[in-house]
């Protein structure tokens, strides 16, 4: 056990982690070795273990790491060491080189063992790029050469994890505290989110266009938003240091989130206005009439229309149903759009729908009329 550098910028305990695996695909390939350097108030400790991957190790991986099938045959499986490993990692900032790889493999293995694993993550590749933008290479071999790090071995888990600890100490010796703290904060990916919202919840959200609604205590609506990248936007609201002051205040109140995929941006804009008007969330600016807003503007079509739009992630077509400046919803087929209009009640002129369409009509929206006879259908 060794003392921690006295100018350690991070106030939270750390783990420097490296893995060796049978290949590069999460959920398919498996871990063969884990190395961990733990850094905390009590000092620095090291831990490592070979892991039985329960699958053959490819020959080129054996050549790279020196780990062969015979070495791992009697090693514990990941499930057998999962709880011990979790105790070492839990509650600590997870630091790794190309962290998406190591975090992704561990998350997959913990999930296989029925354990949720969502630490905050710092990638030392990204950190090196941020601090040394003029350098082109940021792999471990480049860091060894550039910063005079001392490898005990290469492509063995604990030796490579120790190189990251050496790099960390080098940064604290050579960088000013404020600058380094800023780089660490801006490159740390935070997975500790709000209320019952975790990374598994985030991953279920649309990667593309849609709306999202935050709820607080007692399920009180707090905020309705839209985005062309819902998953990314919600994560930005609730995690990381680049949040606005509004985001920071809101994140403290959020307990759960609902979302709707709309396929395209027009649909997201229409659905957002509809939800704001329905829920009246405390953190939204409610649409109010302006002097130049017409009240009950004449509808310029003979009946209902479906606005055709391409899904921004899949390219599939979606249809947004509007009639007399009222938005009825979004459908994935034109028949579904027809059914929406036939079965949803008409409530009258919607100011937000008028504003969205009045602005966008001149930009060449693809509009398909819905036959008047179809609108009269009932279930």
Protein backbone atom coordinates (compact mmCIF):
# COMPACT_ATOMS: atom_id res chain seq x y z
CA UNK A 1 0.00 0.00 0.00
CA UNK A 2 1.34 3.41 -1.02
CA UNK A 3 0.37 7.00 -0.14
CA UNK A 4 -1.79 8.99 -2.54
CA UNK A 5 -0.26 12.03 -4.23
CA UNK A 6 -0.90 15.01 -2.00
CA UNK A 7 -2.23 17.13 -4.89
CA UNK A 8 -4.83 14.58 -5.95
CA UNK A 9 -7.47 16.62 -7.79
CA UNK A 10 -10.35 14.18 -7.55
CA UNK A 11 -12.06 14.15 -4.18
CA UNK A 12 -13.75 10.84 -4.97
CA UNK A 13 -12.11 7.41 -4.67
CA UNK A 14 -10.81 5.95 -7.92
CA UNK A 15 -10.25 2.60 -9.59
CA UNK A 16 -7.92 2.20 -12.55
CA UNK A 17 -9.11 -0.83 -14.49
CA UNK A 18 -7.84 -2.91 -17.38
CA UNK A 19 -9.18 -6.12 -18.92
CA UNK A 20 -7.94 -8.81 -21.22
CA UNK A 21 -10.62 -10.55 -23.28
CA UNK A 22 -11.16 -13.21 -25.95
CA UNK A 23 -12.13 -10.52 -28.48
CA UNK A 24 -13.73 -7.11 -28.92
CA UNK A 25 -17.50 -7.74 -28.90
CA UNK A 26 -19.58 -7.19 -25.74
CA UNK A 27 -21.91 -10.07 -24.94
CA UNK A 28 -20.10 -12.42 -27.33
CA UNK A 29 -16.47 -12.39 -26.25
CA UNK A 30 -15.58 -12.85 -22.58
CA UNK A 31 -13.07 -11.55 -20.03
CA UNK A 32 -9.88 -13.54 -19.38
CA UNK A 33 -8.15 -11.24 -16.87
CA UNK A 34 -9.02 -8.25 -14.70
CA UNK A 35 -6.57 -5.81 -13.13
CA UNK A 36 -7.61 -3.11 -10.64
CA UNK A 37 -5.60 -0.37 -8.92
CA UNK A 38 -7.72 1.09 -6.10
CA UNK A 39 -6.97 4.61 -4.89
CA UNK A 40 -8.68 6.05 -1.82
CA UNK A 41 -8.10 7.82 1.48
CA UNK A 42 -6.34 4.76 2.93
CA UNK A 43 -3.84 4.56 0.07
CA UNK A 44 -3.36 2.43 -3.03
CA UNK A 45 -4.02 -1.29 -3.38
CA UNK A 46 -3.77 -3.64 -6.34
CA UNK A 47 -5.91 -6.64 -7.23
CA UNK A 48 -6.02 -8.95 -10.23
CA UNK A 49 -7.47 -12.26 -11.27
CA UNK A 50 -7.47 -14.54 -14.27
CA UNK A 51 -11.01 -15.36 -15.36
CA UNK A 52 -12.28 -18.51 -17.02
CA UNK A 53 -14.05 -17.14 -20.13
CA UNK A 54 -15.88 -20.43 -20.72
CA UNK A 55 -14.88 -20.22 -24.37
CA UNK A 56 -11.62 -20.82 -26.29
CA UNK A 57 -9.08 -17.99 -26.48
CA UNK A 58 -8.19 -17.26 -30.13
CA UNK A 59 -4.57 -17.92 -31.03
CA UNK A 60 -3.79 -14.30 -31.94
CA UNK A 61 -5.13 -13.18 -28.54
CA UNK A 62 -2.93 -15.77 -26.84
CA UNK A 63 0.06 -14.35 -28.71
CA UNK A 64 -0.86 -10.76 -27.74
CA UNK A 65 -1.53 -11.32 -24.03
CA UNK A 66 0.36 -14.48 -23.21
CA UNK A 67 -2.85 -15.87 -21.67
CA UNK A 68 -3.76 -19.29 -23.06
CA UNK A 69 -6.54 -21.80 -22.43
CA UNK A 70 -4.46 -23.79 -19.94
CA UNK A 71 -3.90 -20.71 -17.75
CA UNK A 72 -7.62 -19.96 -17.35
CA UNK A 73 -8.93 -23.54 -17.26
CA UNK A 74 -9.05 -23.63 -13.45
CA UNK A 75 -9.52 -19.88 -12.92
CA UNK A 76 -12.83 -18.66 -11.40
CA UNK A 77 -15.63 -17.66 -13.73
CA UNK A 78 -16.73 -14.03 -13.71
CA UNK A 79 -19.88 -14.92 -11.78
CA UNK A 80 -17.74 -16.46 -9.03
CA UNK A 81 -15.75 -13.24 -8.48
CA UNK A 82 -18.54 -10.77 -9.35
CA UNK A 83 -19.44 -9.76 -5.79
CA UNK A 84 -15.82 -9.38 -4.69
CA UNK A 85 -15.06 -7.29 -7.77
CA UNK A 86 -18.17 -5.16 -7.31
CA UNK A 87 -17.11 -4.36 -3.75
CA UNK A 88 -13.82 -3.01 -5.12
CA UNK A 89 -15.43 -0.95 -7.89
CA UNK A 90 -18.68 0.25 -6.39
CA UNK A 91 -18.86 3.93 -5.49
CA UNK A 92 -15.56 4.79 -7.19
CA UNK A 93 -14.78 6.71 -10.35
CA UNK A 94 -14.02 4.09 -13.01
CA UNK A 95 -10.87 5.09 -14.94
CA UNK A 96 -9.75 3.10 -18.00
CA UNK A 97 -7.97 3.58 -21.29
CA UNK A 98 -10.55 3.41 -24.09
CA UNK A 99 -13.05 3.16 -21.22
CA UNK A 100 -15.99 2.26 -23.45
CA UNK A 101 -14.35 -1.13 -24.02
CA UNK A 102 -13.60 -1.99 -20.38
CA UNK A 103 -16.81 -0.52 -18.99
CA UNK A 104 -18.88 -2.18 -21.71
CA UNK A 105 -17.40 -5.63 -21.06
CA UNK A 106 -17.81 -5.36 -17.30
CA UNK A 107 -21.34 -4.03 -17.59
CA UNK A 108 -22.21 -6.95 -19.88
CA UNK A 109 -20.65 -9.50 -17.52
CA UNK A 110 -22.29 -8.02 -14.42
CA UNK A 111 -25.63 -7.99 -16.24
CA UNK A 112 -25.15 -11.66 -17.11
CA UNK A 113 -24.63 -12.28 -13.37
CA UNK A 114 -27.82 -10.34 -12.54
CA UNK A 115 -25.97 -7.30 -11.12
CA UNK A 116 -26.45 -3.68 -12.17
CA UNK A 117 -23.13 -1.91 -12.74
CA UNK A 118 -23.22 1.80 -13.55
CA UNK A 119 -20.19 3.68 -12.24
CA UNK A 120 -19.18 7.13 -13.39
CA UNK A 121 -16.54 6.65 -16.10
CA UNK A 122 -13.42 8.57 -17.11
CA UNK A 123 -11.56 7.60 -20.29
CA UNK A 124 -7.83 8.36 -20.18
CA UNK A 125 -7.68 8.42 -23.99
CA UNK A 126 -10.12 11.33 -23.98
CA UNK A 127 -8.34 12.93 -21.02
CA UNK A 128 -4.99 12.74 -22.83
CA UNK A 129 -6.51 14.26 -25.98
CA UNK A 130 -7.99 17.11 -23.96
CA UNK A 131 -4.75 17.92 -22.14
CA UNK A 132 -2.38 17.33 -25.07
CA UNK A 133 -4.38 18.36 -28.16
CA UNK A 134 -1.26 18.82 -30.29
CA UNK A 135 -0.32 15.15 -29.94
CA UNK A 136 -1.68 12.70 -32.51
CA UNK A 137 -1.23 9.43 -30.63
CA UNK A 138 -2.85 8.65 -27.29
CA UNK A 139 -2.58 4.87 -26.98
CA UNK A 140 -0.85 3.35 -23.98
CA UNK A 141 2.39 2.84 -25.90
CA UNK A 142 2.38 6.54 -26.81
CA UNK A 143 1.78 7.53 -23.17
CA UNK A 144 4.63 5.28 -22.03
CA UNK A 145 7.01 6.94 -24.46
CA UNK A 146 5.78 10.50 -23.99
CA UNK A 147 5.59 10.55 -20.19
CA UNK A 148 8.34 8.08 -19.26
CA UNK A 149 5.91 5.60 -17.70
CA UNK A 150 7.38 2.31 -16.56
CA UNK A 151 5.52 -0.82 -17.73
CA UNK A 152 5.84 -4.00 -15.70
CA UNK A 153 4.45 -5.82 -18.74
CA UNK A 154 2.19 -5.05 -21.70
CA UNK A 155 -1.20 -6.47 -22.47
CA UNK A 156 -1.58 -7.89 -18.98
CA UNK A 157 -4.42 -6.40 -17.00
CA UNK A 158 -2.80 -5.29 -13.75
CA UNK A 159 0.36 -3.97 -15.45
CA UNK A 160 -1.72 -1.84 -17.83
CA UNK A 161 -3.98 -0.60 -15.01
CA UNK A 162 -0.83 0.44 -13.14
CA UNK A 163 0.29 2.45 -16.19
CA UNK A 164 -2.92 4.47 -15.91
CA UNK A 165 -2.17 5.16 -12.24
CA UNK A 166 1.31 6.32 -13.25
CA UNK A 167 -0.21 8.58 -15.92
CA UNK A 168 -2.63 10.01 -13.35
CA UNK A 169 0.24 10.85 -10.99
CA UNK A 170 2.20 12.40 -13.86
CA UNK A 171 -0.76 14.69 -14.69
CA UNK A 172 -0.99 15.83 -11.09
CA UNK A 173 2.70 16.68 -11.07
CA UNK A 174 2.70 18.60 -14.36
CA UNK A 175 -0.73 20.27 -14.65
CA UNK A 176 -2.22 23.08 -12.60
CA UNK A 177 -4.95 21.97 -10.22
CA UNK A 178 -7.72 24.11 -11.74
CA UNK A 179 -6.94 23.15 -15.34
CA UNK A 180 -6.71 19.46 -14.54
CA UNK A 181 -9.89 19.52 -12.49
CA UNK A 182 -11.71 21.10 -15.43
CA UNK A 183 -10.47 18.42 -17.85
CA UNK A 184 -11.38 15.60 -15.47
CA UNK A 185 -14.86 16.98 -14.87
CA UNK A 186 -15.60 17.66 -18.54
CA UNK A 187 -14.44 14.20 -19.63
CA UNK A 188 -16.17 12.18 -16.91
CA UNK A 189 -19.33 10.46 -18.03
CA UNK A 190 -21.80 10.49 -15.15
CA UNK A 191 -24.15 7.52 -14.85
CA UNK A 192 -25.65 8.44 -11.50
CA UNK A 193 -28.90 9.96 -12.67
CA UNK A 194 -32.07 11.22 -11.03
CA UNK A 195 -34.66 9.35 -8.98
CA UNK A 196 -35.35 5.91 -10.46
CA UNK A 197 -33.76 6.85 -13.78
CA UNK A 198 -30.62 4.90 -14.56
CA UNK A 199 -28.60 4.09 -17.65
CA UNK A 200 -30.82 1.10 -18.47
CA UNK A 201 -33.78 3.49 -18.59
CA UNK A 202 -31.84 5.90 -20.80
CA UNK A 203 -30.93 3.12 -23.23
CA UNK A 204 -34.63 2.36 -23.79
CA UNK A 205 -35.27 5.90 -25.07
CA UNK A 206 -35.34 6.77 -28.77
CA UNK A 207 -31.96 7.58 -30.28
CA UNK A 208 -33.79 9.93 -32.66
CA UNK A 209 -36.67 12.41 -32.55
CA UNK A 210 -39.28 12.50 -29.84
CA UNK A 211 -40.52 14.12 -26.67
CA UNK A 212 -39.78 13.46 -23.01
CA UNK A 213 -41.53 14.45 -19.78
CA UNK A 214 -39.92 14.70 -16.35
CA UNK A 215 -42.00 14.02 -13.25
CA UNK A 216 -41.16 14.88 -9.65
CA UNK A 217 -42.45 13.85 -6.23
CA UNK A 218 -46.07 12.65 -6.26
CA UNK A 219 -45.78 12.37 -10.05
CA UNK A 220 -46.08 16.13 -10.53
CA UNK A 221 -45.19 17.10 -14.13
CA UNK A 222 -42.01 19.19 -14.13
CA UNK A 223 -40.89 19.66 -17.70
CA UNK A 224 -41.72 18.62 -21.26
CA UNK A 225 -39.00 18.76 -23.89
CA UNK A 226 -38.28 17.60 -27.41
CA UNK A 227 -35.11 16.64 -29.20
CA UNK A 228 -33.82 15.15 -32.42
CA UNK A 229 -31.76 12.87 -30.11
CA UNK A 230 -33.97 12.13 -27.12
CA UNK A 231 -31.62 9.67 -25.41
CA UNK A 232 -28.68 12.05 -25.63
CA UNK A 233 -30.71 15.07 -24.55
CA UNK A 234 -32.21 13.41 -21.45
CA UNK A 235 -28.77 12.18 -20.41
CA UNK A 236 -27.44 15.72 -20.80
CA UNK A 237 -30.25 17.06 -18.60
CA UNK A 238 -29.50 14.66 -15.79
CA UNK A 239 -25.77 13.99 -15.87
CA UNK A 240 -22.42 15.61 -16.48
CA UNK A 241 -20.97 18.98 -15.61
CA UNK A 242 -21.97 20.77 -18.81
CA UNK A 243 -25.55 21.20 -17.61
CA UNK A 244 -27.08 24.63 -17.54
CA UNK A 245 -28.12 26.11 -14.21
CA UNK A 246 -31.72 25.27 -15.18
CA UNK A 247 -30.76 21.64 -15.83
CA UNK A 248 -29.00 21.42 -12.48
CA UNK A 249 -32.01 22.73 -10.58
CA UNK A 250 -34.36 20.48 -12.53
CA UNK A 251 -32.24 17.33 -12.07
CA UNK A 252 -32.57 17.63 -8.29
CA UNK A 253 -36.36 17.39 -8.60
CA UNK A 254 -36.76 14.63 -11.22
CA UNK A 255 -37.94 11.20 -10.09
CA UNK A 256 -39.03 9.56 -13.36
CA UNK A 257 -39.32 10.21 -17.08
CA UNK A 258 -41.73 9.28 -19.87
CA UNK A 259 -40.95 9.57 -23.57
CA UNK A 260 -42.56 9.21 -26.99
CA UNK A 261 -40.78 8.53 -30.28
CA UNK A 262 -42.16 10.74 -33.06
CA UNK A 263 -39.90 9.68 -35.91
CA UNK A 264 -39.35 13.18 -37.25
CA UNK A 265 -38.77 16.68 -35.93
CA UNK A 266 -42.17 18.08 -36.99
CA UNK A 267 -43.89 15.38 -34.98
CA UNK A 268 -41.72 16.18 -31.95
CA UNK A 269 -42.62 19.85 -32.15
CA UNK A 270 -46.34 19.10 -32.44
CA UNK A 271 -46.31 16.52 -29.63
CA UNK A 272 -44.29 18.80 -27.33
CA UNK A 273 -46.82 21.62 -27.63
CA UNK A 274 -49.68 19.23 -27.03
CA UNK A 275 -48.10 17.82 -23.85
CA UNK A 276 -47.18 21.25 -22.47
CA UNK A 277 -50.76 22.43 -22.94
CA UNK A 278 -52.17 19.26 -21.36
CA UNK A 279 -49.82 18.96 -18.37
CA UNK A 280 -48.83 22.60 -17.76
CA UNK A 281 -45.44 21.64 -16.25
CA UNK A 282 -43.95 24.14 -13.83
CA UNK A 283 -40.62 24.43 -15.67
CA UNK A 284 -42.03 25.09 -19.15
CA UNK A 285 -43.01 28.40 -20.60
CA UNK A 286 -46.68 28.02 -21.46
CA UNK A 287 -47.70 29.10 -24.95
CA UNK A 288 -49.60 32.35 -24.71
CA UNK A 289 -51.39 34.25 -27.43
CA UNK A 290 -49.50 37.11 -29.08
CA UNK A 291 -51.00 40.12 -30.78
CA UNK A 292 -50.15 38.71 -34.19
CA UNK A 293 -51.68 35.29 -33.46
CA UNK A 294 -55.00 34.66 -35.24
CA UNK A 295 -57.64 33.11 -33.05
CA UNK A 296 -59.40 30.27 -34.81
CA UNK A 297 -57.50 30.82 -38.08
CA UNK A 298 -59.28 29.34 -41.11
CA UNK A 299 -58.12 25.85 -42.01
CA UNK A 300 -56.68 25.89 -45.51
CA UNK A 301 -57.46 22.28 -46.44
CA UNK A 302 -60.79 20.59 -47.25
CA UNK A 303 -60.32 18.14 -44.38
CA UNK A 304 -57.77 16.32 -42.26
CA UNK A 305 -54.20 15.92 -43.48
CA UNK A 306 -51.31 13.59 -42.75
CA UNK A 307 -47.88 15.22 -42.78
CA UNK A 308 -45.43 12.63 -44.05
CA UNK A 309 -41.95 12.64 -42.52
CA UNK A 310 -38.98 10.28 -42.50
CA UNK A 311 -37.81 8.77 -39.22
CA UNK A 312 -34.42 10.34 -38.53
CA UNK A 313 -32.88 7.07 -37.31
CA UNK A 314 -34.45 4.35 -39.47
CA UNK A 315 -35.57 6.26 -42.57
CA UNK A 316 -39.05 4.72 -42.21
CA UNK A 317 -42.02 6.96 -42.97
CA UNK A 318 -44.32 8.35 -40.28
CA UNK A 319 -47.50 10.41 -40.58
CA UNK A 320 -48.56 13.26 -38.26
CA UNK A 321 -52.31 13.85 -38.31
CA UNK A 322 -53.69 17.41 -38.20
CA UNK A 323 -57.16 18.80 -38.81
CA UNK A 324 -58.35 22.38 -38.29
CA UNK A 325 -55.06 23.25 -36.55
CA UNK A 326 -55.44 20.36 -34.08
CA UNK A 327 -52.76 17.65 -33.77
CA UNK A 328 -54.25 14.17 -33.39
CA UNK A 329 -51.06 12.12 -33.07
CA UNK A 330 -48.46 10.25 -35.10
CA UNK A 331 -48.83 6.91 -36.87
CA UNK A 332 -46.36 4.55 -38.53
CA UNK A 333 -48.74 3.76 -41.43
CA UNK A 334 -51.12 5.88 -43.45
CA UNK A 335 -53.99 3.57 -42.46
CA UNK A 336 -53.02 4.20 -38.84
CA UNK A 337 -53.12 7.94 -39.49
CA UNK A 338 -56.62 7.61 -40.93
CA UNK A 339 -57.72 5.64 -37.88
CA UNK A 340 -56.25 8.25 -35.53
CA UNK A 341 -58.38 10.99 -37.06
CA UNK A 342 -61.47 8.79 -37.06
CA UNK A 343 -61.21 7.81 -33.40
CA UNK A 344 -59.70 10.83 -31.62
CA UNK A 345 -62.07 13.60 -30.50
CA UNK A 346 -61.82 17.04 -32.06
CA UNK A 347 -61.18 19.69 -29.41
CA UNK A 348 -60.58 22.71 -31.61
CA UNK A 349 -57.88 25.20 -32.57
CA UNK A 350 -54.46 24.68 -30.96
CA UNK A 351 -52.20 27.71 -30.90
CA UNK A 352 -48.95 25.70 -30.75
CA UNK A 353 -50.01 23.54 -33.71
CA UNK A 354 -50.84 26.62 -35.72
CA UNK A 355 -47.46 28.19 -34.95
CA UNK A 356 -45.49 25.06 -35.87
CA UNK A 357 -47.30 24.52 -39.16
CA UNK A 358 -47.60 28.17 -40.14
CA UNK A 359 -43.82 28.41 -39.93
CA UNK A 360 -43.13 25.09 -41.67
CA UNK A 361 -45.78 25.11 -44.43
CA UNK A 362 -43.59 27.36 -46.58
CA UNK A 363 -40.70 24.88 -46.36
CA UNK A 364 -42.33 22.23 -48.49
CA UNK A 365 -43.96 19.79 -46.07
CA UNK A 366 -45.19 16.58 -47.71
CA UNK A 367 -48.94 16.65 -47.06
CA UNK A 368 -51.34 13.81 -47.85
CA UNK A 369 -55.11 14.49 -47.57
CA UNK A 370 -57.16 12.10 -45.46
CA UNK A 371 -60.48 11.41 -47.17
CA UNK A 372 -63.48 13.00 -45.49
CA UNK A 373 -65.33 9.68 -45.53
CA UNK A 374 -62.46 8.08 -43.62
CA UNK A 375 -62.69 10.76 -40.94
CA UNK A 376 -66.27 9.72 -40.28
CA UNK A 377 -65.30 6.17 -39.44
CA UNK A 378 -65.84 4.95 -35.89
CA UNK A 379 -64.63 1.84 -34.10
